[in-house]
Amino acid sequence: MAEREQEVLLLVERVKRGSEESFDYLYEKYLPFILRIAMAMLKNRQEAEDVCHDIFLEVLNHPERYDPSRGSFESWLAVKTKSKCLDRLRIHKRHLLQEAEEAVNIRRPASFEDPTAEHTLYRELKEALAKALNQIPAAQRQVLLHAYFKGESHRSIAKQLKRPLGTVKSLIRYGLKNMRKQLEEWNWSGPGGGESR
């Protein structure tokens, strides 16, 4: 075992015995490493810092979970960081799809001749929209959710997302185009139309 790995193993053993000094050393040494991975995956400073907090909380409360026979401490941290980031991304995607589904429910017509057909149509439309949203780039999906599912103006979206107004309009235009393309590929031939704002 390399000298560096022996040193880390000794520090982990001391953390197990309650050494705050050893924990602080590991925190200072590995925080930039974990933050770099989290930022690369999440693209959001606050989310990345939350992941770092979760990782070090586990190191503090359960240092025994690190098994040196399965790899280095750094590799263990990297695997845990990637796993927590993937969990957050999955939750975020699920929330986006739920927002899209709720928005479809709100915007259904007042009446339909056949209630059974209405239910079937909107269930299928809801699923198709959620699936199409999931297929387009994240930036386009974000502005579409703000514009069409939350009813916000382009100017308001630009301010919230700290993006130029022209960029927001372009993202909406390309997002709608990509959504329409997805729906056409799945034989959804709904009414045409483009931006309404």
Protein backbone atom coordinates (compact mmCIF):
# COMPACT_ATOMS: atom_id res chain seq x y z
CA MET A 1 0.00 0.00 0.00
CA ALA A 2 1.38 3.42 -0.97
CA GLU A 3 2.40 5.84 1.77
CA ARG A 4 -0.37 8.26 0.82
CA GLU A 5 -3.03 5.55 1.07
CA GLN A 6 -1.66 4.44 4.44
CA GLU A 7 -1.92 8.02 5.67
CA VAL A 8 -5.55 8.29 4.52
CA LEU A 9 -6.40 4.92 6.07
CA LEU A 10 -4.91 6.10 9.38
CA LEU A 11 -6.99 9.29 9.21
CA VAL A 12 -10.17 7.29 8.52
CA GLU A 13 -9.39 5.07 11.51
CA ARG A 14 -9.01 8.16 13.67
CA VAL A 15 -12.35 9.52 12.40
CA LYS A 16 -13.91 6.22 13.51
CA ARG A 17 -12.57 6.95 17.01
CA GLY A 18 -14.07 10.45 16.94
CA SER A 19 -11.11 12.59 15.84
CA GLU A 20 -12.48 15.92 14.59
CA GLU A 21 -8.99 16.99 13.55
CA SER A 22 -8.63 14.00 11.22
CA PHE A 23 -12.08 14.64 9.75
CA ASP A 24 -11.23 18.31 9.15
CA TYR A 25 -8.04 17.26 7.36
CA LEU A 26 -9.94 14.86 5.07
CA TYR A 27 -12.56 17.54 4.43
CA GLU A 28 -10.00 20.15 3.37
CA LYS A 29 -8.08 17.64 1.28
CA TYR A 30 -10.99 16.11 -0.64
CA LEU A 31 -13.60 18.86 -0.83
CA PRO A 32 -12.24 20.33 -4.12
CA PHE A 33 -12.11 16.83 -5.65
CA ILE A 34 -15.74 16.04 -4.77
CA LEU A 35 -16.99 19.50 -5.71
CA ARG A 36 -15.33 19.22 -9.14
CA ILE A 37 -17.16 15.95 -9.88
CA ALA A 38 -20.50 17.25 -8.59
CA MET A 39 -20.25 20.50 -10.58
CA ALA A 40 -19.42 18.61 -13.78
CA MET A 41 -22.52 16.45 -13.36
CA LEU A 42 -25.05 18.88 -11.91
CA LYS A 43 -23.98 22.22 -13.48
CA ASN A 44 -25.32 23.95 -10.36
CA ARG A 45 -23.13 25.27 -7.53
CA GLN A 46 -25.75 24.98 -4.78
CA GLU A 47 -26.71 21.43 -5.77
CA ALA A 48 -23.02 20.45 -5.96
CA GLU A 49 -22.32 21.90 -2.51
CA ASP A 50 -25.31 19.99 -1.12
CA VAL A 51 -23.85 16.76 -2.49
CA CYS A 52 -20.48 17.56 -0.87
CA HIS A 53 -22.25 18.12 2.43
CA ASP A 54 -24.05 14.75 2.12
CA ILE A 55 -20.81 12.93 1.29
CA PHE A 56 -18.86 14.35 4.22
CA LEU A 57 -21.77 13.79 6.58
CA GLU A 58 -21.56 10.11 5.66
CA VAL A 59 -17.78 10.10 6.14
CA LEU A 60 -18.28 11.62 9.59
CA ASN A 61 -21.16 9.40 10.69
CA HIS A 62 -20.19 6.14 8.95
CA PRO A 63 -16.44 6.05 8.22
CA GLU A 64 -16.59 2.25 8.59
CA ARG A 65 -18.38 2.06 5.21
CA TYR A 66 -15.07 2.70 3.47
CA ASP A 67 -13.46 -0.64 2.65
CA PRO A 68 -9.80 -0.20 1.61
CA SER A 69 -9.74 -3.69 0.10
CA ARG A 70 -12.12 -2.47 -2.63
CA GLY A 71 -10.11 0.54 -3.73
CA SER A 72 -8.66 3.87 -2.67
CA PHE A 73 -10.47 6.38 -0.47
CA GLU A 74 -10.52 8.79 -3.42
CA SER A 75 -12.18 6.20 -5.67
CA TRP A 76 -14.76 5.47 -2.95
CA LEU A 77 -15.57 9.18 -2.68
CA ALA A 78 -15.85 9.49 -6.46
CA VAL A 79 -18.30 6.57 -6.72
CA LYS A 80 -20.45 7.94 -3.87
CA THR A 81 -20.44 11.43 -5.38
CA LYS A 82 -21.50 10.19 -8.82
CA SER A 83 -24.23 8.07 -7.26
CA LYS A 84 -25.68 10.97 -5.25
CA CYS A 85 -25.52 13.26 -8.30
CA LEU A 86 -27.39 10.71 -10.42
CA ASP A 87 -30.05 10.44 -7.70
CA ARG A 88 -30.52 14.22 -7.77
CA LEU A 89 -30.70 14.28 -11.57
CA ARG A 90 -33.33 11.53 -11.55
CA ILE A 91 -35.42 13.40 -8.97
CA HIS A 92 -35.10 16.64 -10.95
CA LYS A 93 -36.19 14.92 -14.17
CA ARG A 94 -39.15 13.32 -12.39
CA HIS A 95 -40.25 16.74 -11.10
CA LEU A 96 -40.04 18.22 -14.60
CA LEU A 97 -42.21 15.44 -16.02
CA GLN A 98 -44.73 15.85 -13.19
CA GLU A 99 -44.96 19.58 -13.94
CA ALA A 100 -45.61 18.82 -17.60
CA GLU A 101 -48.29 16.28 -16.74
CA GLU A 102 -50.01 18.66 -14.31
CA ALA A 103 -49.94 21.39 -16.93
CA VAL A 104 -51.69 19.15 -19.45
CA ASN A 105 -54.39 18.39 -16.90
CA ILE A 106 -55.01 22.11 -16.35
CA ARG A 107 -55.29 22.89 -20.06
CA ARG A 108 -57.87 20.27 -21.07
CA PRO A 109 -60.99 21.40 -22.97
CA ALA A 110 -64.16 22.20 -20.99
CA SER A 111 -66.17 19.38 -22.56
CA PHE A 112 -65.86 16.34 -24.75
CA GLU A 113 -68.63 14.32 -26.39
CA ASP A 114 -67.32 11.02 -25.10
CA PRO A 115 -65.87 11.16 -21.53
CA THR A 116 -64.09 7.84 -22.02
CA ALA A 117 -62.44 9.08 -25.21
CA GLU A 118 -61.50 12.31 -23.45
CA HIS A 119 -59.81 10.43 -20.63
CA THR A 120 -57.94 8.16 -23.03
CA LEU A 121 -56.86 11.00 -25.31
CA TYR A 122 -55.49 13.16 -22.50
CA ARG A 123 -53.76 10.29 -20.77
CA GLU A 124 -51.98 9.49 -24.03
CA LEU A 125 -51.25 13.15 -24.73
CA LYS A 126 -49.86 13.61 -21.24
CA GLU A 127 -47.55 10.65 -21.70
CA ALA A 128 -46.48 11.83 -25.16
CA LEU A 129 -45.69 15.37 -23.93
CA ALA A 130 -43.73 14.09 -20.95
CA LYS A 131 -41.77 11.74 -23.20
CA ALA A 132 -41.11 14.46 -25.79
CA LEU A 133 -39.96 16.91 -23.10
CA ASN A 134 -37.52 14.33 -21.85
CA GLN A 135 -35.99 13.99 -25.34
CA ILE A 136 -35.13 17.65 -25.95
CA PRO A 137 -32.06 19.51 -24.58
CA ALA A 138 -32.30 20.55 -20.92
CA ALA A 139 -32.09 24.30 -21.65
CA GLN A 140 -35.01 24.08 -24.12
CA ARG A 141 -37.05 21.97 -21.71
CA GLN A 142 -36.49 24.48 -18.92
CA VAL A 143 -37.76 27.50 -20.86
CA LEU A 144 -40.73 25.57 -22.29
CA LEU A 145 -41.82 24.58 -18.80
CA HIS A 146 -41.64 28.21 -17.72
CA ALA A 147 -43.34 29.59 -20.82
CA TYR A 148 -46.07 27.12 -21.64
CA PHE A 149 -46.63 25.11 -18.49
CA LYS A 150 -46.21 27.88 -15.91
CA GLY A 151 -47.55 30.68 -18.14
CA GLU A 152 -44.61 33.06 -17.66
CA SER A 153 -43.61 35.76 -20.13
CA HIS A 154 -40.39 35.59 -22.12
CA ARG A 155 -39.06 38.66 -20.30
CA SER A 156 -39.80 37.11 -16.90
CA ILE A 157 -38.05 33.88 -17.89
CA ALA A 158 -34.99 35.79 -19.11
CA LYS A 159 -34.78 37.62 -15.79
CA GLN A 160 -35.19 34.46 -13.70
CA LEU A 161 -32.68 32.42 -15.68
CA LYS A 162 -30.29 35.37 -16.15
CA ARG A 163 -30.23 34.87 -19.91
CA PRO A 164 -30.63 37.39 -22.74
CA LEU A 165 -34.20 37.77 -23.99
CA GLY A 166 -33.14 36.74 -27.51
CA THR A 167 -31.60 33.53 -26.17
CA VAL A 168 -34.80 32.65 -24.32
CA LYS A 169 -36.88 33.22 -27.47
CA SER A 170 -34.50 31.06 -29.50
CA LEU A 171 -34.60 28.27 -26.92
CA ILE A 172 -38.40 28.34 -26.95
CA ARG A 173 -38.51 28.31 -30.76
CA TYR A 174 -36.10 25.39 -31.06
CA GLY A 175 -37.72 23.61 -28.12
CA LEU A 176 -41.15 23.79 -29.77
CA LYS A 177 -39.67 22.63 -33.05
CA ASN A 178 -38.01 19.65 -31.38
CA MET A 179 -41.15 18.80 -29.41
CA ARG A 180 -43.24 18.92 -32.59
CA LYS A 181 -40.71 16.71 -34.37
CA GLN A 182 -40.86 14.15 -31.55
CA LEU A 183 -44.66 14.12 -31.54
CA GLU A 184 -44.80 13.77 -35.34
CA GLU A 185 -42.45 10.79 -35.17
CA TRP A 186 -44.89 9.17 -32.74
CA ASN A 187 -47.82 10.00 -35.07
CA TRP A 188 -49.25 12.73 -32.86
CA SER A 189 -50.75 15.13 -35.42
CA GLY A 190 -52.13 17.83 -33.13
CA PRO A 191 -52.98 21.35 -34.24
CA GLY A 192 -50.15 23.45 -35.63
CA GLY A 193 -49.08 26.80 -34.34
CA GLY A 194 -46.01 28.33 -32.85
CA GLU A 195 -45.16 30.90 -30.24
CA SER A 196 -48.11 32.73 -28.83
CA ARG A 197 -46.13 35.48 -27.12
